[in-house]
């Protein structure tokens, strides 16, 4: 997964049991990460997004959110963002909200 304006950024995904992450891994280690838990097979709770100073300001956080949205669409999973950064991306980009759990979609829309 790569996006124009962020050359060489590859988003990876791992899931073990009821937890998972989308992340950017380099030789220097994990430089960006969005973590989630799955309270049920149909729902993923976005808990935290973090981008290292080395990648900050380049749109990598948004790439992580877009990756989890793409995955949610493919797997028919609804997202519940409790991470403040992920919430802000959904607030600014209504085209991504189709994967939000209904209560989260109502809450984000009401906050606007």
PDB file of N, CA and C in Angstrom:
ATOM      1  N   UNK A   1       0.842  -1.166   0.000  1.00  0.00           N
ATOM      2  CA  UNK A   1       0.000   0.000   0.000  1.00  0.00           C
ATOM      3  C   UNK A   1       0.890   1.232   0.000  1.00  0.00           C
ATOM      4  N   UNK A   2       0.770   2.080  -0.994  1.00  0.00           N
ATOM      5  CA  UNK A   2       1.605   3.272  -1.093  1.00  0.00           C
ATOM      6  C   UNK A   2       0.751   4.401  -1.624  1.00  0.00           C
ATOM      7  N   UNK A   3       1.055   5.628  -1.231  1.00  0.00           N
ATOM      8  CA  UNK A   3       0.279   6.769  -1.682  1.00  0.00           C
ATOM      9  C   UNK A   3       1.210   7.827  -2.239  1.00  0.00           C
ATOM     10  N   UNK A   4       0.747   8.519  -3.290  1.00  0.00           N
ATOM     11  CA  UNK A   4       1.539   9.608  -3.861  1.00  0.00           C
ATOM     12  C   UNK A   4       1.837  10.637  -2.782  1.00  0.00           C
ATOM     13  N   UNK A   5       3.012  11.188  -2.820  1.00  0.00           N
ATOM     14  CA  UNK A   5       3.403  12.164  -1.810  1.00  0.00           C
ATOM     15  C   UNK A   5       4.090  11.522  -0.623  1.00  0.00           C
ATOM     16  N   UNK A   6       4.047  10.220  -0.536  1.00  0.00           N
ATOM     17  CA  UNK A   6       4.724   9.493   0.537  1.00  0.00           C
ATOM     18  C   UNK A   6       5.492   8.326  -0.081  1.00  0.00           C
ATOM     19  N   UNK A   7       6.478   8.633  -0.920  1.00  0.00           N
ATOM     20  CA  UNK A   7       7.199   7.567  -1.615  1.00  0.00           C
ATOM     21  C   UNK A   7       7.887   6.618  -0.647  1.00  0.00           C
ATOM     22  N   UNK A   8       7.799   5.344  -0.976  1.00  0.00           N
ATOM     23  CA  UNK A   8       8.481   4.344  -0.177  1.00  0.00           C
ATOM     24  C   UNK A   8       7.777   3.939   1.100  1.00  0.00           C
ATOM     25  N   UNK A   9       6.620   4.518   1.388  1.00  0.00           N
ATOM     26  CA  UNK A   9       5.885   4.163   2.609  1.00  0.00           C
ATOM     27  C   UNK A   9       5.018   2.949   2.311  1.00  0.00           C
ATOM     28  N   UNK A  10       5.270   1.887   3.019  1.00  0.00           N
ATOM     29  CA  UNK A  10       4.475   0.670   2.862  1.00  0.00           C
ATOM     30  C   UNK A  10       3.792   0.365   4.185  1.00  0.00           C
ATOM     31  N   UNK A  11       2.487   0.190   4.117  1.00  0.00           N
ATOM     32  CA  UNK A  11       1.693  -0.124   5.306  1.00  0.00           C
ATOM     33  C   UNK A  11       1.537  -1.640   5.388  1.00  0.00           C
ATOM     34  N   UNK A  12       1.890  -2.213   6.523  1.00  0.00           N
ATOM     35  CA  UNK A  12       1.716  -3.642   6.768  1.00  0.00           C
ATOM     36  C   UNK A  12       0.602  -3.836   7.777  1.00  0.00           C
ATOM     37  N   UNK A  13       0.077  -5.054   7.848  1.00  0.00           N
ATOM     38  CA  UNK A  13      -1.016  -5.375   8.757  1.00  0.00           C
ATOM     39  C   UNK A  13      -0.713  -6.698   9.442  1.00  0.00           C
ATOM     40  N   UNK A  14      -0.988  -6.740  10.736  1.00  0.00           N
ATOM     41  CA  UNK A  14      -0.884  -7.986  11.482  1.00  0.00           C
ATOM     42  C   UNK A  14      -2.076  -8.086  12.417  1.00  0.00           C
ATOM     43  N   UNK A  15      -2.519  -9.318  12.630  1.00  0.00           N
ATOM     44  CA  UNK A  15      -3.627  -9.546  13.565  1.00  0.00           C
ATOM     45  C   UNK A  15      -3.354 -10.853  14.286  1.00  0.00           C
ATOM     46  N   UNK A  16      -3.434 -10.791  15.617  1.00  0.00           N
ATOM     47  CA  UNK A  16      -3.269 -11.992  16.433  1.00  0.00           C
ATOM     48  C   UNK A  16      -4.387 -12.008  17.452  1.00  0.00           C
ATOM     49  N   UNK A  17      -5.182 -13.041  17.393  1.00  0.00           N
ATOM     50  CA  UNK A  17      -6.310 -13.127  18.314  1.00  0.00           C
ATOM     51  C   UNK A  17      -7.256 -11.968  18.104  1.00  0.00           C
ATOM     52  N   UNK A  18      -7.533 -11.216  19.162  1.00  0.00           N
ATOM     53  CA  UNK A  18      -8.487 -10.111  19.072  1.00  0.00           C
ATOM     54  C   UNK A  18      -7.812  -8.749  18.954  1.00  0.00           C
ATOM     55  N   UNK A  19      -6.517  -8.719  18.645  1.00  0.00           N
ATOM     56  CA  UNK A  19      -5.795  -7.459  18.501  1.00  0.00           C
ATOM     57  C   UNK A  19      -5.090  -7.408  17.153  1.00  0.00           C
ATOM     58  N   UNK A  20      -4.893  -6.184  16.670  1.00  0.00           N
ATOM     59  CA  UNK A  20      -4.198  -6.036  15.401  1.00  0.00           C
ATOM     60  C   UNK A  20      -3.578  -4.668  15.274  1.00  0.00           C
ATOM     61  N   UNK A  21      -2.824  -4.507  14.190  1.00  0.00           N
ATOM     62  CA  UNK A  21      -2.164  -3.225  13.933  1.00  0.00           C
ATOM     63  C   UNK A  21      -1.892  -3.065  12.449  1.00  0.00           C
ATOM     64  N   UNK A  22      -1.954  -1.830  12.003  1.00  0.00           N
ATOM     65  CA  UNK A  22      -1.451  -1.403  10.712  1.00  0.00           C
ATOM     66  C   UNK A  22      -0.212  -0.594  11.036  1.00  0.00           C
ATOM     67  N   UNK A  23       0.881  -0.811  10.312  1.00  0.00           N
ATOM     68  CA  UNK A  23       2.128  -0.195  10.735  1.00  0.00           C
ATOM     69  C   UNK A  23       3.101   0.006   9.586  1.00  0.00           C
ATOM     70  N   UNK A  24       4.085   0.879   9.840  1.00  0.00           N
ATOM     71  CA  UNK A  24       5.205   1.112   8.929  1.00  0.00           C
ATOM     72  C   UNK A  24       6.441   0.595   9.647  1.00  0.00           C
ATOM     73  N   UNK A  25       7.076  -0.409   9.054  1.00  0.00           N
ATOM     74  CA  UNK A  25       8.255  -1.042   9.635  1.00  0.00           C
ATOM     75  C   UNK A  25       9.455  -0.752   8.743  1.00  0.00           C
ATOM     76  N   UNK A  26      10.538  -0.316   9.342  1.00  0.00           N
ATOM     77  CA  UNK A  26      11.784  -0.112   8.609  1.00  0.00           C
ATOM     78  C   UNK A  26      12.898  -0.832   9.365  1.00  0.00           C
ATOM     79  N   UNK A  27      14.105  -0.732   8.847  1.00  0.00           N
ATOM     80  CA  UNK A  27      15.252  -1.324   9.545  1.00  0.00           C
ATOM     81  C   UNK A  27      15.440  -0.687  10.917  1.00  0.00           C
ATOM     82  N   UNK A  28      15.005   0.564  11.046  1.00  0.00           N
ATOM     83  CA  UNK A  28      15.131   1.285  12.319  1.00  0.00           C
ATOM     84  C   UNK A  28      14.048   0.879  13.315  1.00  0.00           C
ATOM     85  N   UNK A  29      13.087   0.093  12.884  1.00  0.00           N
ATOM     86  CA  UNK A  29      12.002  -0.336  13.766  1.00  0.00           C
ATOM     87  C   UNK A  29      10.650   0.117  13.252  1.00  0.00           C
ATOM     88  N   UNK A  30       9.659   0.024  14.107  1.00  0.00           N
ATOM     89  CA  UNK A  30       8.299   0.413  13.755  1.00  0.00           C
ATOM     90  C   UNK A  30       8.186   1.925  13.921  1.00  0.00           C
ATOM     91  N   UNK A  31       7.960   2.637  12.807  1.00  0.00           N
ATOM     92  CA  UNK A  31       7.958   4.095  12.828  1.00  0.00           C
ATOM     93  C   UNK A  31       6.562   4.708  12.877  1.00  0.00           C
ATOM     94  N   UNK A  32       5.544   3.904  12.618  1.00  0.00           N
ATOM     95  CA  UNK A  32       4.162   4.388  12.687  1.00  0.00           C
ATOM     96  C   UNK A  32       3.255   3.191  12.927  1.00  0.00           C
ATOM     97  N   UNK A  33       2.168   3.436  13.669  1.00  0.00           N
ATOM     98  CA  UNK A  33       1.298   2.312  14.021  1.00  0.00           C
ATOM     99  C   UNK A  33      -0.100   2.790  14.374  1.00  0.00           C
ATOM    100  N   UNK A  34      -1.093   2.047  13.919  1.00  0.00           N
ATOM    101  CA  UNK A  34      -2.483   2.208  14.320  1.00  0.00           C
ATOM    102  C   UNK A  34      -2.894   0.863  14.900  1.00  0.00           C
ATOM    103  N   UNK A  35      -3.323   0.857  16.156  1.00  0.00           N
ATOM    104  CA  UNK A  35      -3.690  -0.405  16.807  1.00  0.00           C
ATOM    105  C   UNK A  35      -5.199  -0.489  17.009  1.00  0.00           C
ATOM    106  N   UNK A  36      -5.693  -1.716  17.016  1.00  0.00           N
ATOM    107  CA  UNK A  36      -7.121  -1.951  17.227  1.00  0.00           C
ATOM    108  C   UNK A  36      -7.335  -3.249  17.990  1.00  0.00           C
ATOM    109  N   UNK A  37      -8.520  -3.360  18.573  1.00  0.00           N
ATOM    110  CA  UNK A  37      -8.967  -4.614  19.172  1.00  0.00           C
ATOM    111  C   UNK A  37     -10.299  -4.980  18.531  1.00  0.00           C
ATOM    112  N   UNK A  38     -10.614  -6.262  18.603  1.00  0.00           N
ATOM    113  CA  UNK A  38     -11.868  -6.756  18.022  1.00  0.00           C
ATOM    114  C   UNK A  38     -12.720  -7.358  19.132  1.00  0.00           C
ATOM    115  N   UNK A  39     -13.680  -6.596  19.652  1.00  0.00           N
ATOM    116  CA  UNK A  39     -14.564  -7.154  20.673  1.00  0.00           C
ATOM    117  C   UNK A  39     -15.507  -8.212  20.101  1.00  0.00           C
ATOM    118  N   UNK A  40     -15.694  -8.186  18.775  1.00  0.00           N
ATOM    119  CA  UNK A  40     -16.470  -9.207  18.079  1.00  0.00           C
ATOM    120  C   UNK A  40     -15.921  -9.319  16.664  1.00  0.00           C
ATOM    121  N   UNK A  41     -16.262 -10.383  15.949  1.00  0.00           N
ATOM    122  CA  UNK A  41     -15.726 -10.536  14.587  1.00  0.00           C
ATOM    123  C   UNK A  41     -16.156  -9.424  13.625  1.00  0.00           C
ATOM    124  N   UNK A  42     -17.235  -8.724  13.930  1.00  0.00           N
ATOM    125  CA  UNK A  42     -17.757  -7.698  13.031  1.00  0.00           C
ATOM    126  C   UNK A  42     -17.327  -6.282  13.391  1.00  0.00           C
ATOM    127  N   UNK A  43     -16.646  -6.077  14.514  1.00  0.00           N
ATOM    128  CA  UNK A  43     -16.299  -4.735  14.987  1.00  0.00           C
ATOM    129  C   UNK A  43     -14.818  -4.676  15.350  1.00  0.00           C
ATOM    130  N   UNK A  44     -14.177  -3.554  14.959  1.00  0.00           N
ATOM    131  CA  UNK A  44     -12.800  -3.275  15.373  1.00  0.00           C
ATOM    132  C   UNK A  44     -12.785  -1.894  16.017  1.00  0.00           C
ATOM    133  N   UNK A  45     -12.197  -1.807  17.196  1.00  0.00           N
ATOM    134  CA  UNK A  45     -12.086  -0.551  17.930  1.00  0.00           C
ATOM    135  C   UNK A  45     -10.690   0.011  17.678  1.00  0.00           C
ATOM    136  N   UNK A  46     -10.625   1.170  17.014  1.00  0.00           N
ATOM    137  CA  UNK A  46      -9.333   1.825  16.771  1.00  0.00           C
ATOM    138  C   UNK A  46      -8.930   2.500  18.067  1.00  0.00           C
ATOM    139  N   UNK A  47      -7.850   2.012  18.669  1.00  0.00           N
ATOM    140  CA  UNK A  47      -7.456   2.483  19.994  1.00  0.00           C
ATOM    141  C   UNK A  47      -6.388   3.559  19.983  1.00  0.00           C
ATOM    142  N   UNK A  48      -5.423   3.452  19.076  1.00  0.00           N
ATOM    143  CA  UNK A  48      -4.286   4.369  19.153  1.00  0.00           C
ATOM    144  C   UNK A  48      -3.611   4.489  17.795  1.00  0.00           C
ATOM    145  N   UNK A  49      -3.173   5.693  17.471  1.00  0.00           N
ATOM    146  CA  UNK A  49      -2.375   5.938  16.275  1.00  0.00           C
ATOM    147  C   UNK A  49      -1.154   6.738  16.705  1.00  0.00           C
ATOM    148  N   UNK A  50       0.012   6.296  16.250  1.00  0.00           N
ATOM    149  CA  UNK A  50       1.246   6.994  16.602  1.00  0.00           C
ATOM    150  C   UNK A  50       2.183   6.994  15.405  1.00  0.00           C
ATOM    151  N   UNK A  51       2.786   8.148  15.149  1.00  0.00           N
ATOM    152  CA  UNK A  51       3.748   8.299  14.064  1.00  0.00           C
ATOM    153  C   UNK A  51       5.015   8.905  14.657  1.00  0.00           C
ATOM    154  N   UNK A  52       6.156   8.301  14.364  1.00  0.00           N
ATOM    155  CA  UNK A  52       7.431   8.804  14.891  1.00  0.00           C
ATOM    156  C   UNK A  52       7.742  10.177  14.314  1.00  0.00           C
ATOM    157  N   UNK A  53       8.608  10.893  14.996  1.00  0.00           N
ATOM    158  CA  UNK A  53       9.017  12.226  14.537  1.00  0.00           C
ATOM    159  C   UNK A  53       9.626  12.164  13.138  1.00  0.00           C
ATOM    160  N   UNK A  54      10.270  11.058  12.812  1.00  0.00           N
ATOM    161  CA  UNK A  54      10.913  10.917  11.500  1.00  0.00           C
ATOM    162  C   UNK A  54       9.906  10.952  10.355  1.00  0.00           C
ATOM    163  N   UNK A  55       8.662  10.542  10.613  1.00  0.00           N
ATOM    164  CA  UNK A  55       7.640  10.489   9.563  1.00  0.00           C
ATOM    165  C   UNK A  55       6.527  11.516   9.753  1.00  0.00           C
ATOM    166  N   UNK A  56       6.518  12.192  10.874  1.00  0.00           N
ATOM    167  CA  UNK A  56       5.441  13.127  11.185  1.00  0.00           C
ATOM    168  C   UNK A  56       5.350  14.242  10.143  1.00  0.00           C
ATOM    169  N   UNK A  57       4.121  14.627   9.817  1.00  0.00           N
ATOM    170  CA  UNK A  57       3.890  15.713   8.871  1.00  0.00           C
ATOM    171  C   UNK A  57       3.834  15.273   7.424  1.00  0.00           C
ATOM    172  N   UNK A  58       3.996  13.995   7.170  1.00  0.00           N
ATOM    173  CA  UNK A  58       3.993  13.487   5.797  1.00  0.00           C
ATOM    174  C   UNK A  58       2.730  12.761   5.401  1.00  0.00           C
ATOM    175  N   UNK A  59       1.705  12.812   6.237  1.00  0.00           N
ATOM    176  CA  UNK A  59       0.451  12.148   5.904  1.00  0.00           C
ATOM    177  C   UNK A  59       0.413  10.672   6.242  1.00  0.00           C
ATOM    178  N   UNK A  60       1.381  10.193   6.992  1.00  0.00           N
ATOM    179  CA  UNK A  60       1.451   8.761   7.306  1.00  0.00           C
ATOM    180  C   UNK A  60       0.304   8.344   8.233  1.00  0.00           C
ATOM    181  N   UNK A  61      -0.056   9.185   9.181  1.00  0.00           N
ATOM    182  CA  UNK A  61      -1.183   8.864  10.059  1.00  0.00           C
ATOM    183  C   UNK A  61      -2.454   8.652   9.260  1.00  0.00           C
ATOM    184  N   UNK A  62      -2.704   9.537   8.304  1.00  0.00           N
ATOM    185  CA  UNK A  62      -3.892   9.382   7.469  1.00  0.00           C
ATOM    186  C   UNK A  62      -3.789   8.101   6.637  1.00  0.00           C
ATOM    187  N   UNK A  63      -2.598   7.779   6.137  1.00  0.00           N
ATOM    188  CA  UNK A  63      -2.427   6.526   5.395  1.00  0.00           C
ATOM    189  C   UNK A  63      -2.818   5.317   6.239  1.00  0.00           C
ATOM    190  N   UNK A  64      -2.463   5.359   7.519  1.00  0.00           N
ATOM    191  CA  UNK A  64      -2.830   4.257   8.412  1.00  0.00           C
ATOM    192  C   UNK A  64      -4.339   4.152   8.540  1.00  0.00           C
ATOM    193  N   UNK A  65      -5.011   5.295   8.702  1.00  0.00           N
ATOM    194  CA  UNK A  65      -6.477   5.285   8.808  1.00  0.00           C
ATOM    195  C   UNK A  65      -7.089   4.790   7.499  1.00  0.00           C
ATOM    196  N   UNK A  66      -6.580   5.244   6.371  1.00  0.00           N
ATOM    197  CA  UNK A  66      -7.092   4.783   5.083  1.00  0.00           C
ATOM    198  C   UNK A  66      -6.882   3.278   4.910  1.00  0.00           C
ATOM    199  N   UNK A  67      -5.774   2.762   5.416  1.00  0.00           N
ATOM    200  CA  UNK A  67      -5.519   1.319   5.325  1.00  0.00           C
ATOM    201  C   UNK A  67      -6.521   0.525   6.147  1.00  0.00           C
ATOM    202  N   UNK A  68      -6.833   0.998   7.354  1.00  0.00           N
ATOM    203  CA  UNK A  68      -7.810   0.273   8.173  1.00  0.00           C
ATOM    204  C   UNK A  68      -9.203   0.380   7.556  1.00  0.00           C
ATOM    205  N   UNK A  69      -9.509   1.496   6.914  1.00  0.00           N
ATOM    206  CA  UNK A  69     -10.798   1.644   6.233  1.00  0.00           C
ATOM    207  C   UNK A  69     -10.892   0.662   5.065  1.00  0.00           C
ATOM    208  N   UNK A  70      -9.834   0.586   4.266  1.00  0.00           N
ATOM    209  CA  UNK A  70      -9.813  -0.348   3.136  1.00  0.00           C
ATOM    210  C   UNK A  70     -10.000  -1.788   3.619  1.00  0.00           C
ATOM    211  N   UNK A  71      -9.299  -2.142   4.681  1.00  0.00           N
ATOM    212  CA  UNK A  71      -9.422  -3.483   5.263  1.00  0.00           C
ATOM    213  C   UNK A  71     -10.844  -3.725   5.784  1.00  0.00           C
ATOM    214  N   UNK A  72     -11.424  -2.738   6.443  1.00  0.00           N
ATOM    215  CA  UNK A  72     -12.779  -2.878   6.977  1.00  0.00           C
ATOM    216  C   UNK A  72     -13.779  -3.103   5.848  1.00  0.00           C
ATOM    217  N   UNK A  73     -13.604  -2.394   4.764  1.00  0.00           N
ATOM    218  CA  UNK A  73     -14.511  -2.585   3.615  1.00  0.00           C
ATOM    219  C   UNK A  73     -14.390  -3.992   3.049  1.00  0.00           C
ATOM    220  N   UNK A  74     -13.171  -4.499   2.938  1.00  0.00           N
ATOM    221  CA  UNK A  74     -12.946  -5.837   2.371  1.00  0.00           C
ATOM    222  C   UNK A  74     -13.459  -6.943   3.280  1.00  0.00           C
ATOM    223  N   UNK A  75     -13.400  -6.713   4.595  1.00  0.00           N
ATOM    224  CA  UNK A  75     -13.751  -7.771   5.548  1.00  0.00           C
ATOM    225  C   UNK A  75     -15.125  -7.573   6.176  1.00  0.00           C
ATOM    226  N   UNK A  76     -15.855  -6.551   5.706  1.00  0.00           N
ATOM    227  CA  UNK A  76     -17.188  -6.253   6.246  1.00  0.00           C
ATOM    228  C   UNK A  76     -17.136  -6.031   7.757  1.00  0.00           C
ATOM    229  N   UNK A  77     -16.134  -5.263   8.186  1.00  0.00           N
ATOM    230  CA  UNK A  77     -15.939  -4.939   9.595  1.00  0.00           C
ATOM    231  C   UNK A  77     -16.352  -3.496   9.823  1.00  0.00           C
ATOM    232  N   UNK A  78     -17.029  -3.219  10.909  1.00  0.00           N
ATOM    233  CA  UNK A  78     -17.379  -1.850  11.291  1.00  0.00           C
ATOM    234  C   UNK A  78     -16.332  -1.342  12.268  1.00  0.00           C
ATOM    235  N   UNK A  79     -15.981  -0.066  12.138  1.00  0.00           N
ATOM    236  CA  UNK A  79     -14.948   0.539  12.970  1.00  0.00           C
ATOM    237  C   UNK A  79     -15.564   1.452  14.020  1.00  0.00           C
ATOM    238  N   UNK A  80     -14.965   1.433  15.187  1.00  0.00           N
ATOM    239  CA  UNK A  80     -15.341   2.324  16.281  1.00  0.00           C
ATOM    240  C   UNK A  80     -14.061   3.030  16.726  1.00  0.00           C
ATOM    241  N   UNK A  81     -13.834   4.273  16.291  1.00  0.00           N
ATOM    242  CA  UNK A  81     -12.605   4.972  16.663  1.00  0.00           C
ATOM    243  C   UNK A  81     -12.714   5.619  18.038  1.00  0.00           C
ATOM    244  N   UNK A  82     -11.842   5.211  18.960  1.00  0.00           N
ATOM    245  CA  UNK A  82     -11.744   5.918  20.237  1.00  0.00           C
ATOM    246  C   UNK A  82     -10.453   6.743  20.259  1.00  0.00           C
ATOM    247  N   UNK A  83      -9.588   6.504  19.305  1.00  0.00           N
ATOM    248  CA  UNK A  83      -8.352   7.272  19.129  1.00  0.00           C
ATOM    249  C   UNK A  83      -8.714   8.665  18.610  1.00  0.00           C
ATOM    250  N   UNK A  84      -8.215   9.696  19.283  1.00  0.00           N
ATOM    251  CA  UNK A  84      -8.541  11.076  18.902  1.00  0.00           C
ATOM    252  C   UNK A  84      -8.080  11.396  17.483  1.00  0.00           C
ATOM    253  N   UNK A  85      -6.915  10.906  17.099  1.00  0.00           N
ATOM    254  CA  UNK A  85      -6.440  11.194  15.743  1.00  0.00           C
ATOM    255  C   UNK A  85      -7.347  10.554  14.700  1.00  0.00           C
ATOM    256  N   UNK A  86      -7.669   9.272  14.874  1.00  0.00           N
ATOM    257  CA  UNK A  86      -8.535   8.589  13.912  1.00  0.00           C
ATOM    258  C   UNK A  86      -9.893   9.290  13.834  1.00  0.00           C
ATOM    259  N   UNK A  87     -10.446   9.693  14.977  1.00  0.00           N
ATOM    260  CA  UNK A  87     -11.713  10.434  14.971  1.00  0.00           C
ATOM    261  C   UNK A  87     -11.595  11.688  14.126  1.00  0.00           C
ATOM    262  N   UNK A  88     -10.475  12.400  14.256  1.00  0.00           N
ATOM    263  CA  UNK A  88     -10.309  13.648  13.508  1.00  0.00           C
ATOM    264  C   UNK A  88     -10.251  13.393  12.004  1.00  0.00           C
ATOM    265  N   UNK A  89      -9.654  12.286  11.595  1.00  0.00           N
ATOM    266  CA  UNK A  89      -9.617  11.948  10.169  1.00  0.00           C
ATOM    267  C   UNK A  89     -11.028  11.673   9.671  1.00  0.00           C
ATOM    268  N   UNK A  90     -11.806  10.926  10.419  1.00  0.00           N
ATOM    269  CA  UNK A  90     -13.188  10.646  10.016  1.00  0.00           C
ATOM    270  C   UNK A  90     -14.024  11.930   9.985  1.00  0.00           C
ATOM    271  N   UNK A  91     -13.769  12.846  10.898  1.00  0.00           N
ATOM    272  CA  UNK A  91     -14.499  14.120  10.901  1.00  0.00           C
ATOM    273  C   UNK A  91     -14.200  14.920   9.641  1.00  0.00           C
ATOM    274  N   UNK A  92     -12.941  14.932   9.209  1.00  0.00           N
ATOM    275  CA  UNK A  92     -12.536  15.724   8.043  1.00  0.00           C
ATOM    276  C   UNK A  92     -12.830  15.050   6.711  1.00  0.00           C
ATOM    277  N   UNK A  93     -13.046  13.736   6.721  1.00  0.00           N
ATOM    278  CA  UNK A  93     -13.205  12.997   5.465  1.00  0.00           C
ATOM    279  C   UNK A  93     -14.457  12.115   5.497  1.00  0.00           C
ATOM    280  N   UNK A  94     -15.607  12.704   5.165  1.00  0.00           N
ATOM    281  CA  UNK A  94     -16.859  11.944   5.211  1.00  0.00           C
ATOM    282  C   UNK A  94     -16.882  10.730   4.288  1.00  0.00           C
ATOM    283  N   UNK A  95     -16.065  10.723   3.249  1.00  0.00           N
ATOM    284  CA  UNK A  95     -16.028   9.587   2.328  1.00  0.00           C
ATOM    285  C   UNK A  95     -15.495   8.317   2.982  1.00  0.00           C
ATOM    286  N   UNK A  96     -14.904   8.445   4.166  1.00  0.00           N
ATOM    287  CA  UNK A  96     -14.384   7.277   4.885  1.00  0.00           C
ATOM    288  C   UNK A  96     -15.376   6.727   5.910  1.00  0.00           C
ATOM    289  N   UNK A  97     -16.445   7.439   6.166  1.00  0.00           N
ATOM    290  CA  UNK A  97     -17.352   7.089   7.272  1.00  0.00           C
ATOM    291  C   UNK A  97     -18.244   5.886   7.030  1.00  0.00           C
ATOM    292  N   UNK A  98     -18.306   5.363   5.825  1.00  0.00           N
ATOM    293  CA  UNK A  98     -19.201   4.241   5.543  1.00  0.00           C
ATOM    294  C   UNK A  98     -18.861   3.005   6.373  1.00  0.00           C
ATOM    295  N   UNK A  99     -17.654   2.919   6.899  1.00  0.00           N
ATOM    296  CA  UNK A  99     -17.251   1.745   7.679  1.00  0.00           C
ATOM    297  C   UNK A  99     -17.410   1.947   9.184  1.00  0.00           C
ATOM    298  N   UNK A 100     -17.875   3.128   9.579  1.00  0.00           N
ATOM    299  CA  UNK A 100     -18.042   3.380  11.011  1.00  0.00           C
ATOM    300  C   UNK A 100     -19.241   2.626  11.559  1.00  0.00           C
ATOM    301  N   UNK A 101     -19.088   2.150  12.780  1.00  0.00           N
ATOM    302  CA  UNK A 101     -20.223   1.564  13.483  1.00  0.00           C
ATOM    303  C   UNK A 101     -21.271   2.667  13.595  1.00  0.00           C
ATOM    304  N   UNK A 102     -22.533   2.332  13.489  1.00  0.00           N
ATOM    305  CA  UNK A 102     -23.611   3.323  13.426  1.00  0.00           C
ATOM    306  C   UNK A 102     -23.529   4.356  14.545  1.00  0.00           C
ATOM    307  N   UNK A 103     -23.279   3.943  15.782  1.00  0.00           N
ATOM    308  CA  UNK A 103     -23.231   4.900  16.897  1.00  0.00           C
ATOM    309  C   UNK A 103     -22.068   5.874  16.729  1.00  0.00           C
ATOM    310  N   UNK A 104     -20.944   5.408  16.207  1.00  0.00           N
ATOM    311  CA  UNK A 104     -19.787   6.283  15.981  1.00  0.00           C
ATOM    312  C   UNK A 104     -20.079   7.258  14.851  1.00  0.00           C
ATOM    313  N   UNK A 105     -20.744   6.801  13.805  1.00  0.00           N
ATOM    314  CA  UNK A 105     -21.078   7.670  12.684  1.00  0.00           C
ATOM    315  C   UNK A 105     -21.993   8.801  13.144  1.00  0.00           C
ATOM    316  N   UNK A 106     -22.987   8.471  13.955  1.00  0.00           N
ATOM    317  CA  UNK A 106     -23.907   9.499  14.471  1.00  0.00           C
ATOM    318  C   UNK A 106     -23.150  10.494  15.348  1.00  0.00           C
ATOM    319  N   UNK A 107     -22.278   9.999  16.214  1.00  0.00           N
ATOM    320  CA  UNK A 107     -21.540  10.862  17.130  1.00  0.00           C
ATOM    321  C   UNK A 107     -20.602  11.812  16.378  1.00  0.00           C
ATOM    322  N   UNK A 108     -19.880  11.296  15.393  1.00  0.00           N
ATOM    323  CA  UNK A 108     -18.960  12.129  14.612  1.00  0.00           C
ATOM    324  C   UNK A 108     -19.739  13.173  13.825  1.00  0.00           C
ATOM    325  N   UNK A 109     -20.832  12.786  13.215  1.00  0.00           N
ATOM    326  CA  UNK A 109     -21.647  13.726  12.458  1.00  0.00           C
ATOM    327  C   UNK A 109     -22.230  14.796  13.372  1.00  0.00           C
ATOM    328  N   UNK A 110     -22.652  14.424  14.563  1.00  0.00           N
ATOM    329  CA  UNK A 110     -23.230  15.387  15.506  1.00  0.00           C
ATOM    330  C   UNK A 110     -22.197  16.378  16.008  1.00  0.00           C
ATOM    331  N   UNK A 111     -20.939  15.968  16.093  1.00  0.00           N
ATOM    332  CA  UNK A 111     -19.876  16.852  16.586  1.00  0.00           C
ATOM    333  C   UNK A 111     -19.483  17.907  15.572  1.00  0.00           C
ATOM    334  N   UNK A 112     -19.869  17.727  14.332  1.00  0.00           N
ATOM    335  CA  UNK A 112     -19.473  18.695  13.276  1.00  0.00           C
ATOM    336  C   UNK A 112     -20.317  19.934  13.293  1.00  0.00           C
TER     337      UNK A 112
END
